[in-house]
Protein backbone atom coordinates (compact mmCIF):
# COMPACT_ATOMS: atom_id res chain seq x y z
CA MET A 1 -27.37 15.37 9.23
CA THR A 2 -25.50 12.95 11.52
CA GLU A 3 -22.32 14.57 12.42
CA THR A 4 -18.86 12.65 13.45
CA PHE A 5 -15.78 14.07 15.26
CA THR A 6 -12.92 12.11 15.80
CA ALA A 7 -10.12 14.09 17.63
CA VAL A 8 -6.51 13.51 17.59
CA PRO A 9 -3.82 14.45 20.06
CA ILE A 10 -0.73 16.15 19.72
CA LEU A 11 1.92 15.39 21.87
CA ARG A 12 4.67 17.55 22.24
CA ILE A 13 8.05 16.26 21.03
CA PHE A 14 12.13 16.90 21.14
CA ASP A 15 13.81 14.22 19.85
CA GLU A 16 12.36 12.13 16.92
CA ALA A 17 14.64 9.42 17.30
CA ALA A 18 13.67 8.84 21.27
CA ALA A 19 10.36 9.16 19.86
CA LEU A 20 10.33 6.79 17.63
CA ALA A 21 12.59 3.80 19.66
CA PHE A 22 9.24 4.09 22.05
CA TYR A 23 6.22 4.92 19.62
CA ARG A 24 7.55 2.94 17.25
CA ASP A 25 8.98 0.59 18.47
CA PHE A 26 8.66 -0.18 22.06
CA LEU A 27 4.46 0.81 21.28
CA GLY A 28 4.43 -0.74 18.05
CA PHE A 29 2.91 2.34 16.12
CA VAL A 30 3.57 3.21 12.15
CA ILE A 31 4.38 6.15 10.93
CA ASP A 32 1.87 6.79 8.86
CA TRP A 33 3.52 10.32 6.88
CA ARG A 34 5.82 12.54 8.16
CA HIS A 35 7.10 16.26 7.24
CA GLN A 36 9.22 19.03 7.90
CA THR A 37 10.35 22.03 6.65
CA GLY A 38 14.14 22.23 5.36
CA ASP A 39 16.95 19.93 7.10
CA GLN A 40 16.95 21.67 10.35
CA GLY A 41 13.09 22.46 10.68
CA PRO A 42 11.24 20.52 13.61
CA VAL A 43 9.36 17.99 12.88
CA TYR A 44 5.36 16.50 12.50
CA LEU A 45 3.88 13.35 12.49
CA GLN A 46 1.08 11.07 12.14
CA ILE A 47 1.60 7.73 14.14
CA SER A 48 -1.18 5.33 14.00
CA ARG A 49 -1.70 1.74 16.01
CA ASN A 50 -5.21 -0.53 15.53
CA GLY A 51 -7.36 2.75 15.15
CA MET A 52 -5.83 5.21 16.76
CA ARG A 53 -4.36 7.80 15.57
CA LEU A 54 -1.96 10.89 17.76
CA HIS A 55 0.38 13.63 15.97
CA LEU A 56 3.91 14.34 17.45
CA THR A 57 5.18 17.63 16.82
CA GLY A 58 8.46 19.12 17.48
CA HIS A 59 6.75 22.98 16.95
CA HIS A 60 7.27 24.97 20.15
CA GLY A 61 4.05 25.92 19.79
CA ASP A 62 1.79 23.30 18.89
CA CYS A 63 1.31 22.25 22.65
CA THR A 64 2.35 21.70 26.27
CA PRO A 65 4.86 18.94 27.19
CA GLY A 66 3.56 16.50 30.22
CA SER A 67 -0.11 15.88 28.45
CA THR A 68 -2.29 12.99 29.09
CA VAL A 69 -3.88 10.89 26.83
CA PHE A 70 -6.72 8.99 28.08
CA VAL A 71 -7.46 5.95 25.55
CA THR A 72 -9.84 3.85 25.76
CA ALA A 73 -8.94 -0.45 24.37
CA THR A 74 -9.90 -4.02 24.53
CA GLY A 75 -6.93 -6.84 24.92
CA LEU A 76 -5.34 -4.89 27.71
CA ALA A 77 -3.97 -7.72 28.84
CA ALA A 78 -2.74 -9.36 26.02
CA TYR A 79 -0.96 -5.20 24.79
CA HIS A 80 1.20 -5.23 28.17
CA ALA A 81 2.37 -8.78 28.10
CA ASP A 82 3.80 -8.43 24.80
CA LEU A 83 5.01 -4.91 25.86
CA ALA A 84 6.45 -6.74 29.04
CA ALA A 85 8.45 -8.95 26.71
CA LYS A 86 10.60 -6.31 24.58
CA ASP A 87 13.39 -5.13 26.14
CA TYR A 88 13.19 -1.14 26.12
CA PRO A 89 15.04 0.17 29.25
CA PHE A 90 13.23 2.94 30.10
CA ASN A 91 9.61 2.05 30.40
CA ARG A 92 8.01 -0.91 32.78
CA PRO A 93 4.78 -0.77 32.95
CA GLY A 94 2.13 -1.65 35.37
CA LEU A 95 -1.53 -3.39 34.69
CA GLU A 96 -3.35 -2.50 37.57
CA PRO A 97 -7.07 -2.46 38.57
CA ALA A 98 -8.77 1.16 37.96
CA PRO A 99 -10.87 3.47 40.97
CA TRP A 100 -13.09 3.61 39.20
CA GLY A 101 -13.89 0.31 37.52
CA GLY A 102 -11.34 -1.67 34.63
CA MET A 103 -7.62 -2.08 34.26
CA VAL A 104 -5.63 0.27 33.63
CA MET A 105 -1.88 0.89 31.75
CA GLU A 106 -0.25 4.33 31.87
CA VAL A 107 3.06 4.52 30.09
CA THR A 108 5.40 7.69 29.65
CA ASP A 109 7.04 8.52 26.98
CA PRO A 110 10.46 10.63 26.79
CA PHE A 111 9.11 14.00 27.45
CA ALA A 112 7.04 13.12 30.47
CA ASN A 113 3.98 12.59 27.89
CA ARG A 114 1.35 10.01 28.82
CA LEU A 115 -0.67 7.14 27.44
CA ARG A 116 -3.53 5.55 29.76
CA PHE A 117 -4.80 2.93 28.40
CA TRP A 118 -7.96 1.81 30.09
CA GLU A 119 -9.94 -1.84 29.33
CA GLU A 120 -13.56 -1.63 30.99
CA GLU A 121 -14.68 -4.85 33.19
CA THR A 122 -16.59 -7.81 31.34
CA GLN A 123 -19.39 -8.85 33.17
CA LYS A 124 -19.20 -12.45 33.90
């Protein structure tokens, strides 16, 4: 039998509206589902974009803010151009050569979590 594993990073958030402005409105993720216990309980939701899933949590014991998620990507230059064209005042990511090869773009959410998108160099 062959095993299959999929990791879903969990990122700590403190404000659902700020998280959605960043992940949904700026980065283009969609909300797959949302859970909240009661009207005032912490929120927990899954977002996704092009096969990548993230869990965002307001629960204090789930994880630590300030984490980094390393994301392998294709079409990174086009995605970077899409983000650069948006009017999001809190993040203007660059697209830079990675020291280990390829290109890298890093974005930081309002809670100090980072998504580091990396695209491998294509052979010419």
